Protein backbone atom coordinates (compact mmCIF):
# COMPACT_ATOMS: atom_id res chain seq x y z
CA UNK A 1 -0.40 0.10 0.26
CA UNK A 2 2.85 2.83 0.48
CA UNK A 3 3.05 5.35 2.87
CA UNK A 4 -0.51 6.68 1.04
CA UNK A 5 -1.82 3.59 2.37
CA UNK A 6 -0.49 4.23 5.60
CA UNK A 7 -2.16 7.46 6.10
CA UNK A 8 -5.89 5.86 5.38
CA UNK A 9 -5.52 3.36 8.10
CA UNK A 10 -4.69 6.38 10.25
CA UNK A 11 -8.94 6.82 11.27
CA UNK A 12 -8.87 3.17 12.44
CA UNK A 13 -5.93 3.79 15.01
CA UNK A 14 -8.04 3.37 17.49
CA UNK A 15 -9.93 0.40 16.28
CA UNK A 16 -6.16 -1.11 15.01
CA UNK A 17 -4.43 -0.95 18.60
CA UNK A 18 -7.14 -2.57 21.23
CA UNK A 19 -8.53 -5.06 18.17
CA UNK A 20 -4.78 -6.21 17.93
CA UNK A 21 -4.45 -6.78 21.85
CA UNK A 22 -7.22 -8.15 22.32
CA UNK A 23 -6.01 -10.92 19.36
CA UNK A 24 -2.60 -11.28 21.38
CA UNK A 25 -4.15 -12.16 24.29
CA UNK A 26 -6.43 -14.53 22.50
CA UNK A 27 -3.92 -16.26 20.45
CA UNK A 28 -1.02 -16.64 23.86
CA UNK A 29 -3.58 -19.50 25.48
CA UNK A 30 -4.07 -21.39 22.40
CA UNK A 31 -0.92 -23.34 22.24
CA UNK A 32 -1.63 -23.85 26.11
CA UNK A 33 -4.88 -24.72 26.31
CA UNK A 34 -4.44 -28.30 25.01
CA UNK A 35 -2.29 -29.04 28.00
CA UNK A 36 -4.41 -27.39 30.12
CA UNK A 37 -7.52 -29.52 29.11
CA UNK A 38 -6.19 -32.28 28.65
CA UNK A 39 -4.16 -32.65 32.28
CA UNK A 40 -7.06 -31.56 33.36
CA UNK A 41 -9.60 -33.68 31.74
CA UNK A 42 -7.09 -36.65 31.15
CA UNK A 43 -3.83 -36.63 34.04
CA UNK A 44 -1.12 -38.12 32.69
CA UNK A 45 -2.38 -39.13 29.51
CA UNK A 46 -0.94 -37.69 26.13
CA UNK A 47 -4.37 -38.10 24.13
CA UNK A 48 -7.72 -37.04 25.34
CA UNK A 49 -11.09 -38.23 23.76
CA UNK A 50 -13.18 -36.79 26.21
CA UNK A 51 -11.50 -33.15 25.30
CA UNK A 52 -11.78 -33.91 21.59
CA UNK A 53 -15.56 -34.36 22.37
CA UNK A 54 -16.05 -31.52 24.32
CA UNK A 55 -14.27 -29.62 21.50
CA UNK A 56 -16.71 -30.89 18.88
CA UNK A 57 -20.01 -30.32 20.82
CA UNK A 58 -18.73 -26.87 21.21
CA UNK A 59 -17.91 -26.05 17.42
CA UNK A 60 -21.09 -27.76 16.39
CA UNK A 61 -23.61 -25.52 19.04
CA UNK A 62 -21.69 -22.18 18.34
CA UNK A 63 -22.39 -23.13 14.50
CA UNK A 64 -25.49 -23.53 15.13
CA UNK A 65 -26.31 -20.24 17.04
CA UNK A 66 -24.04 -18.14 15.40
CA UNK A 67 -26.85 -18.36 12.28
CA UNK A 68 -29.02 -16.70 14.41
CA UNK A 69 -26.72 -14.31 17.01
CA UNK A 70 -24.62 -13.26 13.94
CA UNK A 71 -26.96 -11.60 12.21
CA UNK A 72 -28.50 -9.71 15.08
CA UNK A 73 -25.36 -8.65 15.79
CA UNK A 74 -24.84 -7.28 12.64
CA UNK A 75 -28.65 -5.44 12.54
CA UNK A 76 -27.38 -3.88 16.22
CA UNK A 77 -24.34 -2.51 15.04
CA UNK A 78 -26.09 -1.05 11.59
CA UNK A 79 -28.50 0.84 13.82
CA UNK A 80 -27.05 1.48 17.07
CA UNK A 81 -23.80 1.60 16.04
CA UNK A 82 -19.99 -0.37 16.36
CA UNK A 83 -19.14 0.46 19.01
CA UNK A 84 -21.14 -0.51 21.54
CA UNK A 85 -21.24 -3.96 19.45
CA UNK A 86 -17.72 -4.12 19.51
CA UNK A 87 -17.31 -3.22 23.41
CA UNK A 88 -19.38 -6.12 23.90
CA UNK A 89 -18.06 -8.66 21.70
CA UNK A 90 -14.55 -8.10 22.70
CA UNK A 91 -15.68 -7.97 26.55
CA UNK A 92 -16.86 -11.80 26.43
CA UNK A 93 -13.68 -13.37 26.55
CA UNK A 94 -12.40 -11.93 30.26
CA UNK A 95 -14.58 -13.88 32.64
CA UNK A 96 -13.91 -17.45 30.44
CA UNK A 97 -10.31 -16.93 31.04
CA UNK A 98 -10.21 -15.35 34.11
CA UNK A 99 -11.42 -18.82 35.40
CA UNK A 100 -8.38 -21.05 34.25
CA UNK A 101 -6.58 -17.58 36.03
CA UNK A 102 -8.15 -18.49 39.58
CA UNK A 103 -7.84 -22.62 39.07
CA UNK A 104 -7.05 -25.41 36.37
CA UNK A 105 -9.24 -27.96 37.91
CA UNK A 106 -11.58 -30.30 36.07
CA UNK A 107 -14.46 -28.64 37.86
CA UNK A 108 -13.23 -25.42 36.83
CA UNK A 109 -12.32 -26.50 33.02
CA UNK A 110 -15.51 -27.43 32.30
CA UNK A 111 -17.16 -24.12 33.51
CA UNK A 112 -14.16 -22.50 31.14
CA UNK A 113 -15.93 -24.32 27.93
CA UNK A 114 -19.12 -23.40 29.13
CA UNK A 115 -18.38 -19.83 29.15
CA UNK A 116 -16.34 -20.02 26.11
CA UNK A 117 -18.94 -21.79 24.33
CA UNK A 118 -21.13 -18.50 25.03
CA UNK A 119 -18.20 -15.88 24.39
CA UNK A 120 -17.29 -17.79 20.87
CA UNK A 121 -21.24 -17.39 19.92
CA UNK A 122 -21.10 -13.84 20.68
CA UNK A 123 -17.74 -13.15 19.44
CA UNK A 124 -16.46 -15.36 16.82
CA UNK A 125 -16.53 -14.18 13.35
CA UNK A 126 -18.52 -10.80 14.71
CA UNK A 127 -15.82 -8.87 16.10
CA UNK A 128 -13.62 -9.09 12.57
CA UNK A 129 -17.13 -8.60 10.73
CA UNK A 130 -17.89 -5.16 12.64
CA UNK A 131 -13.94 -3.75 12.41
CA UNK A 132 -14.39 -4.66 8.62
CA UNK A 133 -17.85 -2.71 8.36
CA UNK A 134 -16.18 0.23 10.67
CA UNK A 135 -13.26 0.16 8.26
CA UNK A 136 -16.03 0.23 5.30
CA UNK A 137 -17.49 3.51 6.89
CA UNK A 138 -13.95 5.59 6.79
CA UNK A 139 -12.34 4.42 3.60
CA UNK A 140 -13.72 4.73 0.05
CA UNK A 141 -14.64 1.37 -2.27
CA UNK A 142 -11.36 1.66 -4.31
CA UNK A 143 -9.09 1.16 -1.29
CA UNK A 144 -11.14 -1.28 0.79
CA UNK A 145 -9.60 -4.49 -0.67
CA UNK A 146 -6.28 -3.28 0.13
CA UNK A 147 -7.42 -1.57 3.40
CA UNK A 148 -9.00 -5.16 4.43
CA UNK A 149 -5.63 -7.21 3.69
CA UNK A 150 -3.79 -4.82 6.03
CA UNK A 151 -6.63 -5.59 8.93
CA UNK A 152 -5.91 -9.10 8.05
CA UNK A 153 -2.69 -9.02 8.16
CA UNK A 154 -2.32 -7.02 11.61
CA UNK A 155 -4.25 -9.98 12.74
CA UNK A 156 -1.96 -12.33 11.62
CA UNK A 157 0.88 -9.84 13.20
CA UNK A 158 -1.08 -10.32 16.43
CA UNK A 159 -1.17 -14.16 16.16
CA UNK A 160 2.90 -14.13 15.76
CA UNK A 161 3.27 -12.25 18.72
CA UNK A 162 0.54 -13.79 21.09
CA UNK A 163 2.50 -17.01 19.87
CA UNK A 164 5.59 -15.90 21.11
CA UNK A 165 4.58 -14.56 24.16
CA UNK A 166 3.46 -18.35 24.31
CA UNK A 167 6.71 -20.00 23.28
CA UNK A 168 8.56 -18.40 25.83
CA UNK A 169 6.40 -17.19 28.85
CA UNK A 170 5.82 -19.88 31.64
CA UNK A 171 2.52 -21.32 31.29
CA UNK A 172 1.60 -19.81 35.18
CA UNK A 173 1.89 -16.44 33.67
CA UNK A 174 0.22 -16.94 30.40
CA UNK A 175 -3.42 -16.39 31.58
CA UNK A 176 -2.29 -13.72 33.88
CA UNK A 177 -0.41 -12.07 31.03
CA UNK A 178 -3.60 -12.59 28.87
CA UNK A 179 -6.48 -11.64 31.44
CA UNK A 180 -4.67 -8.41 31.61
CA UNK A 181 -4.94 -7.53 28.29
CA UNK A 182 -8.39 -8.55 27.93
CA UNK A 183 -9.55 -6.12 30.29
CA UNK A 184 -7.40 -3.22 28.67
CA UNK A 185 -9.35 -3.72 25.22
CA UNK A 186 -12.74 -2.66 25.94
CA UNK A 187 -11.64 0.03 28.30
CA UNK A 188 -9.12 1.87 25.58
CA UNK A 189 -12.36 1.49 23.06
CA UNK A 190 -14.65 3.29 25.76
CA UNK A 191 -12.45 5.77 25.79
CA UNK A 192 -10.72 6.62 22.60
CA UNK A 193 -12.85 4.98 19.91
CA UNK A 194 -15.54 7.07 18.22
CA UNK A 195 -18.74 6.15 16.82
CA UNK A 196 -18.81 6.07 12.80
CA UNK A 197 -22.90 5.14 12.76
CA UNK A 198 -25.42 8.02 13.72
CA UNK A 199 -27.33 5.86 16.56
CA UNK A 200 -31.28 4.84 16.15
CA UNK A 201 -33.25 7.47 18.11
CA UNK A 202 -34.46 5.99 21.40
CA UNK A 203 -38.18 4.47 21.50
CA UNK A 204 -40.72 6.78 23.23
CA UNK A 205 -40.67 6.61 26.90
CA UNK A 206 -44.42 7.04 27.21
CA UNK A 207 -44.85 3.77 24.72
CA UNK A 208 -45.55 0.55 26.97
CA UNK A 209 -42.77 -2.10 27.33
CA UNK A 210 -45.29 -4.88 25.43
CA UNK A 211 -45.75 -2.25 22.48
CA UNK A 212 -41.92 -1.72 22.80
CA UNK A 213 -40.98 -5.25 22.99
CA UNK A 214 -42.86 -6.47 19.78
CA UNK A 215 -42.23 -3.72 17.43
CA UNK A 216 -38.32 -4.33 18.31
CA UNK A 217 -39.38 -8.28 17.45
CA UNK A 218 -40.53 -7.16 14.51
CA UNK A 219 -38.52 -4.32 13.05
CA UNK A 220 -35.41 -7.36 14.12
CA UNK A 221 -38.07 -9.83 11.69
CA UNK A 222 -38.17 -7.26 8.82
CA UNK A 223 -34.96 -6.47 8.98
CA UNK A 224 -33.63 -10.30 8.56
CA UNK A 225 -35.77 -10.85 5.91
CA UNK A 226 -34.60 -8.06 4.07
CA UNK A 227 -30.79 -8.99 4.46
CA UNK A 228 -31.92 -12.58 3.52
CA UNK A 229 -33.55 -10.97 0.38
CA UNK A 230 -30.55 -8.97 -0.30
CA UNK A 231 -28.95 -12.32 -0.68
CA UNK A 232 -30.96 -14.72 -2.42
CA UNK A 233 -31.67 -11.45 -5.10
CA UNK A 234 -27.83 -11.10 -5.66
CA UNK A 235 -25.78 -13.94 -7.72
CA UNK A 236 -22.78 -12.64 -6.23
CA UNK A 237 -24.22 -13.10 -2.62
CA UNK A 238 -25.35 -16.45 -3.06
CA UNK A 239 -22.44 -17.74 -4.74
CA UNK A 240 -20.29 -16.29 -1.91
CA UNK A 241 -22.74 -17.47 0.50
CA UNK A 242 -22.42 -20.95 -0.68
CA UNK A 243 -18.45 -21.00 -0.75
CA UNK A 244 -18.43 -19.53 2.45
CA UNK A 245 -20.93 -22.29 4.27
CA UNK A 246 -18.72 -25.33 2.67
CA UNK A 247 -15.05 -23.61 3.40
CA UNK A 248 -15.91 -22.56 7.16
CA UNK A 249 -17.43 -26.00 7.74
CA UNK A 250 -14.23 -27.95 6.58
CA UNK A 251 -11.80 -25.75 8.26
CA UNK A 252 -13.72 -25.26 11.75
CA UNK A 253 -13.87 -29.62 11.82
CA UNK A 254 -10.08 -29.63 11.08
CA UNK A 255 -9.41 -26.66 13.39
CA UNK A 256 -11.43 -28.22 16.32
CA UNK A 257 -9.23 -30.78 16.51
CA UNK A 258 -5.97 -29.96 15.29
CA UNK A 259 -3.73 -29.30 17.87
CA UNK A 260 -5.18 -32.79 20.07
CA UNK A 261 -4.28 -34.85 17.43
CA UNK A 262 -0.84 -33.19 16.74
CA UNK A 263 -0.46 -34.11 20.11
CA UNK A 264 -1.77 -37.68 20.15
CA UNK A 265 -0.12 -38.54 17.05
CA UNK A 266 3.43 -36.99 17.53
CA UNK A 267 4.03 -35.85 21.26
CA UNK A 268 3.79 -31.92 20.46
CA UNK A 269 3.46 -29.81 23.34
CA UNK A 270 3.24 -25.81 23.15
CA UNK A 271 6.32 -25.22 21.98
CA UNK A 272 5.35 -26.97 18.92
CA UNK A 273 2.41 -25.77 18.55
CA UNK A 274 3.85 -22.30 18.78
CA UNK A 275 6.31 -22.82 16.41
CA UNK A 276 3.72 -23.98 13.76
CA UNK A 277 1.50 -21.24 14.48
CA UNK A 278 4.02 -18.93 14.36
CA UNK A 279 5.29 -20.04 11.13
CA UNK A 280 1.78 -19.64 9.54
CA UNK A 281 1.62 -16.18 11.06
CA UNK A 282 4.83 -14.67 10.01
CA UNK A 283 3.72 -15.69 6.39
CA UNK A 284 0.22 -14.76 6.72
CA UNK A 285 1.40 -11.24 7.16
CA UNK A 286 3.77 -10.70 4.08
CA UNK A 287 0.51 -12.63 1.88
CA UNK A 288 -2.10 -10.23 3.09
CA UNK A 289 0.05 -7.09 3.97
CA UNK A 290 2.10 -6.89 0.76
CA UNK A 291 1.51 -9.72 -1.76
CA UNK A 292 -2.47 -9.34 -1.66
CA UNK A 293 -2.69 -5.64 -2.48
CA UNK A 294 -0.03 -6.33 -5.48
CA UNK A 295 -1.89 -8.90 -6.86
CA UNK A 296 -5.45 -7.32 -6.71
CA UNK A 297 -5.11 -5.01 -9.25
CA UNK A 298 -3.90 -8.20 -11.33
CA UNK A 299 -5.93 -11.02 -10.83
CA UNK A 300 -9.11 -9.69 -8.78
CA UNK A 301 -10.50 -11.07 -6.04
CA UNK A 302 -12.52 -14.09 -7.21
CA UNK A 303 -9.24 -15.34 -8.62
CA UNK A 304 -7.37 -14.57 -5.59
CA UNK A 305 -10.27 -16.43 -3.67
CA UNK A 306 -10.16 -19.26 -6.05
CA UNK A 307 -6.64 -19.56 -5.29
CA UNK A 308 -6.76 -19.67 -1.71
CA UNK A 309 -9.68 -22.36 -1.52
CA UNK A 310 -7.16 -24.51 -3.64
CA UNK A 311 -4.67 -23.97 -1.13
CA UNK A 312 -6.54 -25.10 2.05
CA UNK A 313 -7.66 -28.35 0.30
CA UNK A 314 -3.96 -29.10 -0.03
CA UNK A 315 -3.60 -28.14 3.64
CA UNK A 316 -5.98 -30.55 5.12
CA UNK A 317 -4.83 -33.25 3.18
CA UNK A 318 -1.12 -33.22 4.11
CA UNK A 319 -2.72 -33.17 7.50
CA UNK A 320 -5.04 -36.08 7.31
CA UNK A 321 -2.11 -38.06 5.80
CA UNK A 322 0.97 -36.71 7.71
CA UNK A 323 3.40 -39.53 8.50
CA UNK A 324 6.17 -38.04 10.51
CA UNK A 325 6.29 -35.22 12.77
CA UNK A 326 7.60 -32.47 9.70
CA UNK A 327 4.59 -32.85 7.45
CA UNK A 328 2.37 -30.89 9.84
CA UNK A 329 5.07 -27.91 9.16
CA UNK A 330 5.25 -28.41 5.63
CA UNK A 331 0.98 -28.23 6.00
CA UNK A 332 1.10 -25.29 7.88
CA UNK A 333 2.81 -23.70 5.12
CA UNK A 334 0.03 -23.42 2.82
CA UNK A 335 -1.92 -21.38 5.38
CA UNK A 336 0.33 -18.87 3.90
CA UNK A 337 -2.30 -18.82 1.17
CA UNK A 338 -5.19 -20.00 2.34
CA UNK A 339 -5.40 -17.11 4.81
CA UNK A 340 -6.50 -14.82 1.82
CA UNK A 341 -9.90 -16.51 1.59
CA UNK A 342 -11.10 -13.63 4.42
CA UNK A 343 -10.16 -10.89 2.65
CA UNK A 344 -10.60 -11.49 -0.60
CA UNK A 345 -14.46 -12.89 0.71
CA UNK A 346 -15.06 -9.65 2.41
CA UNK A 347 -13.53 -7.14 -0.18
CA UNK A 348 -16.16 -9.53 -2.77
CA UNK A 349 -18.99 -9.04 -0.11
CA UNK A 350 -18.69 -5.53 0.68
CA UNK A 351 -19.03 -4.78 -3.12
CA UNK A 352 -22.06 -6.49 -3.88
CA UNK A 353 -23.61 -4.75 -0.84
CA UNK A 354 -24.80 -1.72 0.19
CA UNK A 355 -23.09 0.65 2.67
CA UNK A 356 -26.00 0.81 4.85
CA UNK A 357 -25.77 -3.26 4.74
CA UNK A 358 -22.09 -3.61 5.56
CA UNK A 359 -22.15 -5.51 8.93
CA UNK A 360 -25.30 -7.26 8.24
CA UNK A 361 -24.23 -8.89 5.01
CA UNK A 362 -20.95 -9.30 6.47
CA UNK A 363 -21.89 -11.50 9.03
CA UNK A 364 -23.86 -14.10 7.09
CA UNK A 365 -20.23 -15.47 5.89
């Protein structure tokens, strides 16, 4: 993007800084959670079917409820503003990680899974989509693909920093540092983040609670019906919705159990997990911040999306056929390409949707 591109990111400073901190705080716990949950649920074992089962149930529950919750959050962000919804979604992670900071017993791990499932339903995907819509509010259409690539690149950079901290910090300090960073994020947003959407006027206080409730439900239904009609009436949005559905279905199935599989098959611990995740993260930074803005004008978002989807297939096949400890590292290298699925998808959706419908449509994918 160059110097001019960096200038376009200046209005997003107070959005990107807390988001980076939030992503660092979440990522630094990923490689440790496998050891913590396995140790609590299956003491003394390197494999834990119970932990894999719970993760599978969590993925299923989150996926079902996200279909309902994410469009609602998107509509609320369009109608009442980005800032309050961002603060809400980034705050949901504090309590689950706070529990593991206090105690890592079997009972506390169960409580963590319950609260983290609720947190995922509210925050997974919605934080990124509302952030992208916030960027779309302040950046013109011609620059959105490049700006989106910078946002996803910063997401990868945050993951690298989080994995570096996880690699070198003692296990006992990781959750303490994480919870401190997670608390900082909503406080910073409340103080510094500016709203980009004029919030909806308050409902008249003279109206009864019943009439207000019925009115809100009716408005929400009409808004969701409008958004659904918008998708079905647009060939681009209809096609990208099917692509996104099957892509997320496959990748979520892999990501939910991958680290437990590597621990069971090759005895990996948090150090190996951090190394693999750092390798993917560093490559993703280059591909999203440098490569995507350069090749996007030449090939377009759709061609890049196809290349990234093919790379995700190779990624999954190599992990499934892994026959030696070095194969997961080779498979992880394809993450450098398949990470481009997100920014290219968002660029396609953003071009196909009206400005007022940015979050509602992005959250459907």
